[in-house]
Amino acid sequence: MRRVLLLLGLLVGTAWAMQEPQQQDQEPVYVFGTSVVIPAGLQGAIYYISHSAPTIEDLEKKKPRGTIYTSSLNIPPQDYKLGFPGISKRLEWFAIDYRGKFWIQKAGDYKFELTADDGAMLYVDGQLVVDNSGLHPPVTLHGAAGLREGIHTIRVVYFQGIKYQVALVLKIAPPGQEYRIFSTNEFKPPATWTGPDDTAK
């Protein structure tokens, strides 16, 4: 009886060990945002758009259908059937206008990389840095901005048209560094900073 229990325990342990790597290898869930407020993150206003080519001016005339929050934009190219977490059941013809602030510790030329499907535009301090607009498959474009130390504003306007694929990835490369996912968690003012909470100009 003891041998039977020991053998059963080994079999259960082996089965559990075989399942563990599968759980670790599961694909992460990429989200456009959440309803949970992230005070220092990006706030995204959701709009439903028509089949005609949208513009920022069109969005600003519309009433948002909802609001989501995120600290980064990291949705790599994927099938639209995976859904758009944070956008309810909407699968096509919507837009998200993300806005937020970020802190620059070291002044210099910062490079940005924006991947989008369909279209997206990146603004820093109100200036267009990357124009990846239009309705198209996943496309990656680059831009740069000279930033001084202090608070800066960021805005990413994203458009999703017809189905099939979706993508929205924003990366940043500080001076002398490689590209990495932009996150407001990384670019927060230090606790000792006592300057005004305004936009760097």
Foldseek 3Di string as FASTA:
>chain_A
DVVVVVVVVVVVVVVVVVCVVVVVPDDDDAAPFAPDDDPQAKKKFKFAADQPFDDPVNVVVDDGPDIGTDFFFFFAKDFLVSDHPPRPRDSFRMKIKIKHKFFDAAWFKKKKKKWWAAFKWKDKQNHTFDGRDDHDHIDIDMGIDGDHGTMIMMIMMHHGHDGTITGTFMWMAPPPGDTDTGGRVVGDDDPPDDDDNDHDD
